[in-house]
Amino acid sequence: GMDIEEVAEATPELIHRIHVDPSAGLLGF
C-alpha cells in the first residue's frame, strides 16, 4: 500500500527477492 520505491530507498531489507529459473518453474521451497 506504499510507494515501493520509497520502501526500497529507506528500508531495502524489507523487500524480499527470489529468482525463478523458467526451465524449472516456481519450486515449493
mmCIF file of all heavy atoms, coordinates in Angstrom:
data_MODEL
# 
_entry.id   MODEL 
# 
loop_
_atom_site.group_PDB 
_atom_site.id 
_atom_site.type_symbol 
_atom_site.label_atom_id 
_atom_site.label_alt_id 
_atom_site.label_comp_id 
_atom_site.label_asym_id 
_atom_site.label_entity_id 
_atom_site.label_seq_id 
_atom_site.pdbx_PDB_ins_code 
_atom_site.Cartn_x 
_atom_site.Cartn_y 
_atom_site.Cartn_z 
_atom_site.occupancy 
_atom_site.B_iso_or_equiv 
_atom_site.pdbx_formal_charge 
_atom_site.auth_seq_id 
_atom_site.auth_comp_id 
_atom_site.auth_asym_id 
_atom_site.auth_atom_id 
_atom_site.pdbx_PDB_model_num 
ATOM 1   N N   . GLY A 1 1  ? 0.792  -1.215  0.000   1.00 0.00 ? 1  GLY A N   1 
ATOM 2   C CA  . GLY A 1 1  ? 0.000  0.000   0.000   1.00 0.00 ? 1  GLY A CA  1 
ATOM 3   C C   . GLY A 1 1  ? 0.824  1.264   0.000   1.00 0.00 ? 1  GLY A C   1 
ATOM 4   O O   . GLY A 1 1  ? 0.286  2.366   0.052   1.00 0.00 ? 1  GLY A O   1 
ATOM 5   N N   . MET A 1 2  ? 2.149  1.118   -0.059  1.00 0.00 ? 2  MET A N   1 
ATOM 6   C CA  . MET A 1 2  ? 3.051  2.272   -0.058  1.00 0.00 ? 2  MET A CA  1 
ATOM 7   C C   . MET A 1 2  ? 3.796  2.337   -1.384  1.00 0.00 ? 2  MET A C   1 
ATOM 8   O O   . MET A 1 2  ? 3.768  1.403   -2.176  1.00 0.00 ? 2  MET A O   1 
ATOM 9   C CB  . MET A 1 2  ? 4.053  2.158   1.098   1.00 0.00 ? 2  MET A CB  1 
ATOM 10  C CG  . MET A 1 2  ? 3.430  2.133   2.475   1.00 0.00 ? 2  MET A CG  1 
ATOM 11  S SD  . MET A 1 2  ? 4.657  1.890   3.771   1.00 0.00 ? 2  MET A SD  1 
ATOM 12  C CE  . MET A 1 2  ? 5.696  3.339   3.554   1.00 0.00 ? 2  MET A CE  1 
ATOM 13  N N   . ASP A 1 3  ? 4.477  3.449   -1.607  1.00 0.00 ? 3  ASP A N   1 
ATOM 14  C CA  . ASP A 1 3  ? 5.328  3.597   -2.779  1.00 0.00 ? 3  ASP A CA  1 
ATOM 15  C C   . ASP A 1 3  ? 6.536  2.692   -2.590  1.00 0.00 ? 3  ASP A C   1 
ATOM 16  O O   . ASP A 1 3  ? 7.368  2.918   -1.704  1.00 0.00 ? 3  ASP A O   1 
ATOM 17  C CB  . ASP A 1 3  ? 5.760  5.065   -2.918  1.00 0.00 ? 3  ASP A CB  1 
ATOM 18  C CG  . ASP A 1 3  ? 6.487  5.336   -4.220  1.00 0.00 ? 3  ASP A CG  1 
ATOM 19  O OD1 . ASP A 1 3  ? 7.144  4.403   -4.734  1.00 0.00 ? 3  ASP A OD1 1 
ATOM 20  O OD2 . ASP A 1 3  ? 6.412  6.468   -4.724  1.00 0.00 ? 3  ASP A OD2 1 
ATOM 21  N N   . ILE A 1 4  ? 6.633  1.650   -3.402  1.00 0.00 ? 4  ILE A N   1 
ATOM 22  C CA  . ILE A 1 4  ? 7.685  0.652   -3.202  1.00 0.00 ? 4  ILE A CA  1 
ATOM 23  C C   . ILE A 1 4  ? 9.076  1.246   -3.417  1.00 0.00 ? 4  ILE A C   1 
ATOM 24  O O   . ILE A 1 4  ? 10.059 0.783   -2.824  1.00 0.00 ? 4  ILE A O   1 
ATOM 25  C CB  . ILE A 1 4  ? 7.456  -0.581  -4.125  1.00 0.00 ? 4  ILE A CB  1 
ATOM 26  C CG1 . ILE A 1 4  ? 8.290  -1.783  -3.638  1.00 0.00 ? 4  ILE A CG1 1 
ATOM 27  C CG2 . ILE A 1 4  ? 7.752  -0.231  -5.570  1.00 0.00 ? 4  ILE A CG2 1 
ATOM 28  C CD1 . ILE A 1 4  ? 7.924  -2.278  -2.264  1.00 0.00 ? 4  ILE A CD1 1 
ATOM 29  N N   . GLU A 1 5  ? 9.187  2.291   -4.242  1.00 0.00 ? 5  GLU A N   1 
ATOM 30  C CA  . GLU A 1 5  ? 10.482 2.939   -4.441  1.00 0.00 ? 5  GLU A CA  1 
ATOM 31  C C   . GLU A 1 5  ? 10.959 3.582   -3.139  1.00 0.00 ? 5  GLU A C   1 
ATOM 32  O O   . GLU A 1 5  ? 12.154 3.553   -2.812  1.00 0.00 ? 5  GLU A O   1 
ATOM 33  C CB  . GLU A 1 5  ? 10.408 3.997   -5.552  1.00 0.00 ? 5  GLU A CB  1 
ATOM 34  C CG  . GLU A 1 5  ? 10.335 3.428   -6.961  1.00 0.00 ? 5  GLU A CG  1 
ATOM 35  C CD  . GLU A 1 5  ? 8.925  2.994   -7.332  1.00 0.00 ? 5  GLU A CD  1 
ATOM 36  O OE1 . GLU A 1 5  ? 7.977  3.278   -6.558  1.00 0.00 ? 5  GLU A OE1 1 
ATOM 37  O OE2 . GLU A 1 5  ? 8.759  2.355   -8.390  1.00 0.00 ? 5  GLU A OE2 1 
ATOM 38  N N   . GLU A 1 6  ? 10.019 4.159   -2.389  1.00 0.00 ? 6  GLU A N   1 
ATOM 39  C CA  . GLU A 1 6  ? 10.376 4.766   -1.108  1.00 0.00 ? 6  GLU A CA  1 
ATOM 40  C C   . GLU A 1 6  ? 10.803 3.700   -0.111  1.00 0.00 ? 6  GLU A C   1 
ATOM 41  O O   . GLU A 1 6  ? 11.743 3.896   0.673   1.00 0.00 ? 6  GLU A O   1 
ATOM 42  C CB  . GLU A 1 6  ? 9.191  5.564   -0.567  1.00 0.00 ? 6  GLU A CB  1 
ATOM 43  C CG  . GLU A 1 6  ? 8.833  6.791   -1.400  1.00 0.00 ? 6  GLU A CG  1 
ATOM 44  C CD  . GLU A 1 6  ? 7.627  7.528   -0.851  1.00 0.00 ? 6  GLU A CD  1 
ATOM 45  O OE1 . GLU A 1 6  ? 7.133  7.141   0.237   1.00 0.00 ? 6  GLU A OE1 1 
ATOM 46  O OE2 . GLU A 1 6  ? 7.178  8.496   -1.494  1.00 0.00 ? 6  GLU A OE2 1 
ATOM 47  N N   . VAL A 1 7  ? 10.114 2.557   -0.131  1.00 0.00 ? 7  VAL A N   1 
ATOM 48  C CA  . VAL A 1 7  ? 10.485 1.454   0.756   1.00 0.00 ? 7  VAL A CA  1 
ATOM 49  C C   . VAL A 1 7  ? 11.884 0.954   0.412   1.00 0.00 ? 7  VAL A C   1 
ATOM 50  O O   . VAL A 1 7  ? 12.717 0.724   1.303   1.00 0.00 ? 7  VAL A O   1 
ATOM 51  C CB  . VAL A 1 7  ? 9.471  0.297   0.650   1.00 0.00 ? 7  VAL A CB  1 
ATOM 52  C CG1 . VAL A 1 7  ? 9.921  -0.896  1.495   1.00 0.00 ? 7  VAL A CG1 1 
ATOM 53  C CG2 . VAL A 1 7  ? 8.084  0.760   1.084   1.00 0.00 ? 7  VAL A CG2 1 
ATOM 54  N N   . ALA A 1 8  ? 12.162 0.801   -0.876  1.00 0.00 ? 8  ALA A N   1 
ATOM 55  C CA  . ALA A 1 8  ? 13.466 0.300   -1.321  1.00 0.00 ? 8  ALA A CA  1 
ATOM 56  C C   . ALA A 1 8  ? 14.590 1.241   -0.907  1.00 0.00 ? 8  ALA A C   1 
ATOM 57  O O   . ALA A 1 8  ? 15.700 0.793   -0.580  1.00 0.00 ? 8  ALA A O   1 
ATOM 58  C CB  . ALA A 1 8  ? 13.461 0.118   -2.838  1.00 0.00 ? 8  ALA A CB  1 
ATOM 59  N N   . GLU A 1 9  ? 14.307 2.532   -0.896  1.00 0.00 ? 9  GLU A N   1 
ATOM 60  C CA  . GLU A 1 9  ? 15.336 3.511   -0.541  1.00 0.00 ? 9  GLU A CA  1 
ATOM 61  C C   . GLU A 1 9  ? 15.540 3.595   0.967   1.00 0.00 ? 9  GLU A C   1 
ATOM 62  O O   . GLU A 1 9  ? 16.673 3.640   1.446   1.00 0.00 ? 9  GLU A O   1 
ATOM 63  C CB  . GLU A 1 9  ? 14.946 4.888   -1.082  1.00 0.00 ? 9  GLU A CB  1 
ATOM 64  C CG  . GLU A 1 9  ? 16.001 5.952   -0.848  1.00 0.00 ? 9  GLU A CG  1 
ATOM 65  C CD  . GLU A 1 9  ? 15.647 7.280   -1.492  1.00 0.00 ? 9  GLU A CD  1 
ATOM 66  O OE1 . GLU A 1 9  ? 14.716 7.319   -2.326  1.00 0.00 ? 9  GLU A OE1 1 
ATOM 67  O OE2 . GLU A 1 9  ? 16.307 8.283   -1.154  1.00 0.00 ? 9  GLU A OE2 1 
ATOM 68  N N   . ALA A 1 10 ? 14.438 3.596   1.704   1.00 0.00 ? 10 ALA A N   1 
ATOM 69  C CA  . ALA A 1 10 ? 14.533 3.806   3.152   1.00 0.00 ? 10 ALA A CA  1 
ATOM 70  C C   . ALA A 1 10 ? 14.828 2.516   3.922   1.00 0.00 ? 10 ALA A C   1 
ATOM 71  O O   . ALA A 1 10 ? 15.625 2.514   4.865   1.00 0.00 ? 10 ALA A O   1 
ATOM 72  C CB  . ALA A 1 10 ? 13.243 4.436   3.673   1.00 0.00 ? 10 ALA A CB  1 
ATOM 73  N N   . THR A 1 11 ? 14.175 1.416   3.530   1.00 0.00 ? 11 THR A N   1 
ATOM 74  C CA  . THR A 1 11 ? 14.332 0.142   4.252   1.00 0.00 ? 11 THR A CA  1 
ATOM 75  C C   . THR A 1 11 ? 14.449 -1.009  3.259   1.00 0.00 ? 11 THR A C   1 
ATOM 76  O O   . THR A 1 11 ? 13.542 -1.841  3.145   1.00 0.00 ? 11 THR A O   1 
ATOM 77  C CB  . THR A 1 11 ? 13.134 -0.100  5.196   1.00 0.00 ? 11 THR A CB  1 
ATOM 78  O OG1 . THR A 1 11 ? 11.908 0.044   4.443   1.00 0.00 ? 11 THR A OG1 1 
ATOM 79  C CG2 . THR A 1 11 ? 13.139 0.879   6.350   1.00 0.00 ? 11 THR A CG2 1 
ATOM 80  N N   . PRO A 1 12 ? 15.545 -1.086  2.520   1.00 0.00 ? 12 PRO A N   1 
ATOM 81  C CA  . PRO A 1 12 ? 15.685 -2.122  1.480   1.00 0.00 ? 12 PRO A CA  1 
ATOM 82  C C   . PRO A 1 12 ? 15.611 -3.538  2.031   1.00 0.00 ? 12 PRO A C   1 
ATOM 83  O O   . PRO A 1 12 ? 15.255 -4.468  1.303   1.00 0.00 ? 12 PRO A O   1 
ATOM 84  C CB  . PRO A 1 12 ? 17.069 -1.834  0.880   1.00 0.00 ? 12 PRO A CB  1 
ATOM 85  C CG  . PRO A 1 12 ? 17.794 -1.044  1.924   1.00 0.00 ? 12 PRO A CG  1 
ATOM 86  C CD  . PRO A 1 12 ? 16.745 -0.236  2.611   1.00 0.00 ? 12 PRO A CD  1 
ATOM 87  N N   . GLU A 1 13 ? 15.915 -3.719  3.307   1.00 0.00 ? 13 GLU A N   1 
ATOM 88  C CA  . GLU A 1 13 ? 15.876 -5.064  3.896   1.00 0.00 ? 13 GLU A CA  1 
ATOM 89  C C   . GLU A 1 13 ? 14.454 -5.606  3.994   1.00 0.00 ? 13 GLU A C   1 
ATOM 90  O O   . GLU A 1 13 ? 14.266 -6.820  4.210   1.00 0.00 ? 13 GLU A O   1 
ATOM 91  C CB  . GLU A 1 13 ? 16.522 -5.052  5.284   1.00 0.00 ? 13 GLU A CB  1 
ATOM 92  C CG  . GLU A 1 13 ? 15.745 -4.317  6.362   1.00 0.00 ? 13 GLU A CG  1 
ATOM 93  C CD  . GLU A 1 13 ? 15.995 -2.804  6.364   1.00 0.00 ? 13 GLU A CD  1 
ATOM 94  O OE1 . GLU A 1 13 ? 16.684 -2.313  5.450   1.00 0.00 ? 13 GLU A OE1 1 
ATOM 95  O OE2 . GLU A 1 13 ? 15.486 -2.136  7.283   1.00 0.00 ? 13 GLU A OE2 1 
ATOM 96  N N   . LEU A 1 14 ? 13.459 -4.738  3.807   1.00 0.00 ? 14 LEU A N   1 
ATOM 97  C CA  . LEU A 1 14 ? 12.065 -5.180  3.881   1.00 0.00 ? 14 LEU A CA  1 
ATOM 98  C C   . LEU A 1 14 ? 11.533 -5.681  2.541   1.00 0.00 ? 14 LEU A C   1 
ATOM 99  O O   . LEU A 1 14 ? 10.375 -6.082  2.451   1.00 0.00 ? 14 LEU A O   1 
ATOM 100 C CB  . LEU A 1 14 ? 11.178 -4.043  4.401   1.00 0.00 ? 14 LEU A CB  1 
ATOM 101 C CG  . LEU A 1 14 ? 11.458 -3.583  5.835   1.00 0.00 ? 14 LEU A CG  1 
ATOM 102 C CD1 . LEU A 1 14 ? 10.515 -2.456  6.227   1.00 0.00 ? 14 LEU A CD1 1 
ATOM 103 C CD2 . LEU A 1 14 ? 11.332 -4.757  6.808   1.00 0.00 ? 14 LEU A CD2 1 
ATOM 104 N N   . ILE A 1 15 ? 12.372 -5.639  1.504   1.00 0.00 ? 15 ILE A N   1 
ATOM 105 C CA  . ILE A 1 15 ? 11.978 -6.175  0.202   1.00 0.00 ? 15 ILE A CA  1 
ATOM 106 C C   . ILE A 1 15 ? 12.694 -7.508  -0.006  1.00 0.00 ? 15 ILE A C   1 
ATOM 107 O O   . ILE A 1 15 ? 13.926 -7.568  -0.001  1.00 0.00 ? 15 ILE A O   1 
ATOM 108 C CB  . ILE A 1 15 ? 12.310 -5.195  -0.935  1.00 0.00 ? 15 ILE A CB  1 
ATOM 109 C CG1 . ILE A 1 15 ? 11.546 -3.878  -0.737  1.00 0.00 ? 15 ILE A CG1 1 
ATOM 110 C CG2 . ILE A 1 15 ? 11.956 -5.812  -2.291  1.00 0.00 ? 15 ILE A CG2 1 
ATOM 111 C CD1 . ILE A 1 15 ? 11.814 -2.840  -1.791  1.00 0.00 ? 15 ILE A CD1 1 
ATOM 112 N N   . HIS A 1 16 ? 11.923 -8.561  -0.171  1.00 0.00 ? 16 HIS A N   1 
ATOM 113 C CA  . HIS A 1 16 ? 12.462 -9.907  -0.313  1.00 0.00 ? 16 HIS A CA  1 
ATOM 114 C C   . HIS A 1 16 ? 12.384 -10.333 -1.777  1.00 0.00 ? 16 HIS A C   1 
ATOM 115 O O   . HIS A 1 16 ? 11.377 -10.102 -2.444  1.00 0.00 ? 16 HIS A O   1 
ATOM 116 C CB  . HIS A 1 16 ? 11.676 -10.880 0.566   1.00 0.00 ? 16 HIS A CB  1 
ATOM 117 C CG  . HIS A 1 16 ? 11.552 -10.411 1.988   1.00 0.00 ? 16 HIS A CG  1 
ATOM 118 N ND1 . HIS A 1 16 ? 12.575 -10.503 2.900   1.00 0.00 ? 16 HIS A ND1 1 
ATOM 119 C CD2 . HIS A 1 16 ? 10.509 -9.800  2.639   1.00 0.00 ? 16 HIS A CD2 1 
ATOM 120 C CE1 . HIS A 1 16 ? 12.186 -9.999  4.051   1.00 0.00 ? 16 HIS A CE1 1 
ATOM 121 N NE2 . HIS A 1 16 ? 10.935 -9.560  3.927   1.00 0.00 ? 16 HIS A NE2 1 
ATOM 122 N N   . ARG A 1 17 ? 13.447 -10.960 -2.268  1.00 0.00 ? 17 ARG A N   1 
ATOM 123 C CA  . ARG A 1 17 ? 13.548 -11.314 -3.687  1.00 0.00 ? 17 ARG A CA  1 
ATOM 124 C C   . ARG A 1 17 ? 13.891 -12.791 -3.862  1.00 0.00 ? 17 ARG A C   1 
ATOM 125 O O   . ARG A 1 17 ? 14.714 -13.333 -3.123  1.00 0.00 ? 17 ARG A O   1 
ATOM 126 C CB  . ARG A 1 17 ? 14.629 -10.473 -4.379  1.00 0.00 ? 17 ARG A CB  1 
ATOM 127 C CG  . ARG A 1 17 ? 14.368 -8.972  -4.374  1.00 0.00 ? 17 ARG A CG  1 
ATOM 128 C CD  . ARG A 1 17 ? 15.573 -8.228  -4.925  1.00 0.00 ? 17 ARG A CD  1 
ATOM 129 N NE  . ARG A 1 17 ? 15.322 -6.808  -5.107  1.00 0.00 ? 17 ARG A NE  1 
ATOM 130 C CZ  . ARG A 1 17 ? 15.443 -5.900  -4.149  1.00 0.00 ? 17 ARG A CZ  1 
ATOM 131 N NH1 . ARG A 1 17 ? 15.819 -6.280  -2.935  1.00 0.00 ? 17 ARG A NH1 1 
ATOM 132 N NH2 . ARG A 1 17 ? 15.211 -4.622  -4.391  1.00 0.00 ? 17 ARG A NH2 1 
ATOM 133 N N   . ILE A 1 18 ? 13.265 -13.406 -4.857  1.00 0.00 ? 18 ILE A N   1 
ATOM 134 C CA  . ILE A 1 18 ? 13.671 -14.738 -5.280  1.00 0.00 ? 18 ILE A CA  1 
ATOM 135 C C   . ILE A 1 18 ? 13.707 -14.759 -6.811  1.00 0.00 ? 18 ILE A C   1 
ATOM 136 O O   . ILE A 1 18 ? 12.914 -14.078 -7.461  1.00 0.00 ? 18 ILE A O   1 
ATOM 137 C CB  . ILE A 1 18 ? 12.733 -15.851 -4.764  1.00 0.00 ? 18 ILE A CB  1 
ATOM 138 C CG1 . ILE A 1 18 ? 11.300 -15.651 -5.273  1.00 0.00 ? 18 ILE A CG1 1 
ATOM 139 C CG2 . ILE A 1 18 ? 12.760 -15.936 -3.262  1.00 0.00 ? 18 ILE A CG2 1 
ATOM 140 C CD1 . ILE A 1 18 ? 10.388 -16.827 -4.959  1.00 0.00 ? 18 ILE A CD1 1 
ATOM 141 N N   . HIS A 1 19 ? 14.634 -15.515 -7.374  1.00 0.00 ? 19 HIS A N   1 
ATOM 142 C CA  . HIS A 1 19 ? 14.724 -15.686 -8.824  1.00 0.00 ? 19 HIS A CA  1 
ATOM 143 C C   . HIS A 1 19 ? 14.241 -17.090 -9.188  1.00 0.00 ? 19 HIS A C   1 
ATOM 144 O O   . HIS A 1 19 ? 14.657 -18.075 -8.564  1.00 0.00 ? 19 HIS A O   1 
ATOM 145 C CB  . HIS A 1 19 ? 16.159 -15.494 -9.304  1.00 0.00 ? 19 HIS A CB  1 
ATOM 146 C CG  . HIS A 1 19 ? 16.578 -14.053 -9.372  1.00 0.00 ? 19 HIS A CG  1 
ATOM 147 N ND1 . HIS A 1 19 ? 17.127 -13.389 -8.303  1.00 0.00 ? 19 HIS A ND1 1 
ATOM 148 C CD2 . HIS A 1 19 ? 16.501 -13.151 -10.390 1.00 0.00 ? 19 HIS A CD2 1 
ATOM 149 C CE1 . HIS A 1 19 ? 17.391 -12.142 -8.651  1.00 0.00 ? 19 HIS A CE1 1 
ATOM 150 N NE2 . HIS A 1 19 ? 17.022 -11.969 -9.905  1.00 0.00 ? 19 HIS A NE2 1 
ATOM 151 N N   . VAL A 1 20 ? 13.376 -17.153 -10.180 1.00 0.00 ? 20 VAL A N   1 
ATOM 152 C CA  . VAL A 1 20 ? 12.808 -18.427 -10.616 1.00 0.00 ? 20 VAL A CA  1 
ATOM 153 C C   . VAL A 1 20 ? 13.373 -18.791 -11.982 1.00 0.00 ? 20 VAL A C   1 
ATOM 154 O O   . VAL A 1 20 ? 13.231 -18.028 -12.943 1.00 0.00 ? 20 VAL A O   1 
ATOM 155 C CB  . VAL A 1 20 ? 11.272 -18.360 -10.686 1.00 0.00 ? 20 VAL A CB  1 
ATOM 156 C CG1 . VAL A 1 20 ? 10.700 -19.703 -11.136 1.00 0.00 ? 20 VAL A CG1 1 
ATOM 157 C CG2 . VAL A 1 20 ? 10.688 -17.947 -9.342  1.00 0.00 ? 20 VAL A CG2 1 
ATOM 158 N N   . ASP A 1 21 ? 14.009 -19.946 -12.057 1.00 0.00 ? 21 ASP A N   1 
ATOM 159 C CA  . ASP A 1 21 ? 14.531 -20.456 -13.321 1.00 0.00 ? 21 ASP A CA  1 
ATOM 160 C C   . ASP A 1 21 ? 13.346 -20.888 -14.186 1.00 0.00 ? 21 ASP A C   1 
ATOM 161 O O   . ASP A 1 21 ? 12.591 -21.788 -13.798 1.00 0.00 ? 21 ASP A O   1 
ATOM 162 C CB  . ASP A 1 21 ? 15.447 -21.644 -13.047 1.00 0.00 ? 21 ASP A CB  1 
ATOM 163 C CG  . ASP A 1 21 ? 16.079 -22.218 -14.307 1.00 0.00 ? 21 ASP A CG  1 
ATOM 164 O OD1 . ASP A 1 21 ? 15.623 -21.865 -15.421 1.00 0.00 ? 21 ASP A OD1 1 
ATOM 165 O OD2 . ASP A 1 21 ? 17.011 -23.025 -14.182 1.00 0.00 ? 21 ASP A OD2 1 
ATOM 166 N N   . PRO A 1 22 ? 13.159 -20.277 -15.362 1.00 0.00 ? 22 PRO A N   1 
ATOM 167 C CA  . PRO A 1 22 ? 11.997 -20.628 -16.195 1.00 0.00 ? 22 PRO A CA  1 
ATOM 168 C C   . PRO A 1 22 ? 11.956 -22.096 -16.598 1.00 0.00 ? 22 PRO A C   1 
ATOM 169 O O   . PRO A 1 22 ? 10.872 -22.652 -16.806 1.00 0.00 ? 22 PRO A O   1 
ATOM 170 C CB  . PRO A 1 22 ? 12.164 -19.726 -17.427 1.00 0.00 ? 22 PRO A CB  1 
ATOM 171 C CG  . PRO A 1 22 ? 13.043 -18.615 -16.979 1.00 0.00 ? 22 PRO A CG  1 
ATOM 172 C CD  . PRO A 1 22 ? 13.964 -19.204 -15.960 1.00 0.00 ? 22 PRO A CD  1 
ATOM 173 N N   . SER A 1 23 ? 13.116 -22.728 -16.693 1.00 0.00 ? 23 SER A N   1 
ATOM 174 C CA  . SER A 1 23 ? 13.133 -24.137 -17.091 1.00 0.00 ? 23 SER A CA  1 
ATOM 175 C C   . SER A 1 23 ? 12.653 -25.056 -15.965 1.00 0.00 ? 23 SER A C   1 
ATOM 176 O O   . SER A 1 23 ? 12.190 -26.168 -16.214 1.00 0.00 ? 23 SER A O   1 
ATOM 177 C CB  . SER A 1 23 ? 14.540 -24.554 -17.524 1.00 0.00 ? 23 SER A CB  1 
ATOM 178 O OG  . SER A 1 23 ? 15.459 -24.452 -16.448 1.00 0.00 ? 23 SER A OG  1 
ATOM 179 N N   . ALA A 1 24 ? 12.751 -24.610 -14.725 1.00 0.00 ? 24 ALA A N   1 
ATOM 180 C CA  . ALA A 1 24 ? 12.323 -25.420 -13.581 1.00 0.00 ? 24 ALA A CA  1 
ATOM 181 C C   . ALA A 1 24 ? 10.974 -24.973 -13.048 1.00 0.00 ? 24 ALA A C   1 
ATOM 182 O O   . ALA A 1 24 ? 10.218 -25.769 -12.488 1.00 0.00 ? 24 ALA A O   1 
ATOM 183 C CB  . ALA A 1 24 ? 13.371 -25.347 -12.469 1.00 0.00 ? 24 ALA A CB  1 
ATOM 184 N N   . GLY A 1 25 ? 10.659 -23.688 -13.226 1.00 0.00 ? 25 GLY A N   1 
ATOM 185 C CA  . GLY A 1 25 ? 9.412  -23.153 -12.692 1.00 0.00 ? 25 GLY A CA  1 
ATOM 186 C C   . GLY A 1 25 ? 9.530  -22.814 -11.215 1.00 0.00 ? 25 GLY A C   1 
ATOM 187 O O   . GLY A 1 25 ? 10.576 -23.017 -10.580 1.00 0.00 ? 25 GLY A O   1 
ATOM 188 N N   . LEU A 1 26 ? 8.465  -22.294 -10.655 1.00 0.00 ? 26 LEU A N   1 
ATOM 189 C CA  . LEU A 1 26 ? 8.426  -21.936 -9.241  1.00 0.00 ? 26 LEU A CA  1 
ATOM 190 C C   . LEU A 1 26 ? 8.418  -23.205 -8.391  1.00 0.00 ? 26 LEU A C   1 
ATOM 191 O O   . LEU A 1 26 ? 7.526  -24.040 -8.519  1.00 0.00 ? 26 LEU A O   1 
ATOM 192 C CB  . LEU A 1 26 ? 7.194  -21.080 -8.951  1.00 0.00 ? 26 LEU A CB  1 
ATOM 193 C CG  . LEU A 1 26 ? 6.998  -20.622 -7.509  1.00 0.00 ? 26 LEU A CG  1 
ATOM 194 C CD1 . LEU A 1 26 ? 8.107  -19.666 -7.085  1.00 0.00 ? 26 LEU A CD1 1 
ATOM 195 C CD2 . LEU A 1 26 ? 5.632  -19.957 -7.344  1.00 0.00 ? 26 LEU A CD2 1 
ATOM 196 N N   . LEU A 1 27 ? 9.396  -23.341 -7.517  1.00 0.00 ? 27 LEU A N   1 
ATOM 197 C CA  . LEU A 1 27 ? 9.527  -24.544 -6.698  1.00 0.00 ? 27 LEU A CA  1 
ATOM 198 C C   . LEU A 1 27 ? 8.890  -24.340 -5.323  1.00 0.00 ? 27 LEU A C   1 
ATOM 199 O O   . LEU A 1 27 ? 8.798  -23.215 -4.826  1.00 0.00 ? 27 LEU A O   1 
ATOM 200 C CB  . LEU A 1 27 ? 11.001 -24.915 -6.545  1.00 0.00 ? 27 LEU A CB  1 
ATOM 201 C CG  . LEU A 1 27 ? 11.745 -25.164 -7.871  1.00 0.00 ? 27 LEU A CG  1 
ATOM 202 C CD1 . LEU A 1 27 ? 13.220 -25.437 -7.606  1.00 0.00 ? 27 LEU A CD1 1 
ATOM 203 C CD2 . LEU A 1 27 ? 11.115 -26.324 -8.639  1.00 0.00 ? 27 LEU A CD2 1 
ATOM 204 N N   . GLY A 1 28 ? 8.488  -25.437 -4.724  1.00 0.00 ? 28 GLY A N   1 
ATOM 205 C CA  . GLY A 1 28 ? 7.780  -25.381 -3.457  1.00 0.00 ? 28 GLY A CA  1 
ATOM 206 C C   . GLY A 1 28 ? 8.541  -24.660 -2.368  1.00 0.00 ? 28 GLY A C   1 
ATOM 207 O O   . GLY A 1 28 ? 7.974  -23.867 -1.611  1.00 0.00 ? 28 GLY A O   1 
ATOM 208 N N   . PHE A 1 29 ? 9.840  -24.929 -2.253  1.00 0.00 ? 29 PHE A N   1 
ATOM 209 C CA  . PHE A 1 29 ? 10.614 -24.309 -1.177  1.00 0.00 ? 29 PHE A CA  1 
ATOM 210 C C   . PHE A 1 29 ? 10.717 -22.802 -1.363  1.00 0.00 ? 29 PHE A C   1 
ATOM 211 O O   . PHE A 1 29 ? 10.819 -22.048 -0.373  1.00 0.00 ? 29 PHE A O   1 
ATOM 212 C CB  . PHE A 1 29 ? 12.015 -24.941 -1.091  1.00 0.00 ? 29 PHE A CB  1 
ATOM 213 C CG  . PHE A 1 29 ? 13.006 -24.439 -2.102  1.00 0.00 ? 29 PHE A CG  1 
ATOM 214 C CD1 . PHE A 1 29 ? 13.803 -23.334 -1.826  1.00 0.00 ? 29 PHE A CD1 1 
ATOM 215 C CD2 . PHE A 1 29 ? 13.142 -25.066 -3.337  1.00 0.00 ? 29 PHE A CD2 1 
ATOM 216 C CE1 . PHE A 1 29 ? 14.731 -22.872 -2.755  1.00 0.00 ? 29 PHE A CE1 1 
ATOM 217 C CE2 . PHE A 1 29 ? 14.058 -24.614 -4.270  1.00 0.00 ? 29 PHE A CE2 1 
ATOM 218 C CZ  . PHE A 1 29 ? 14.860 -23.510 -3.982  1.00 0.00 ? 29 PHE A CZ  1 
# 
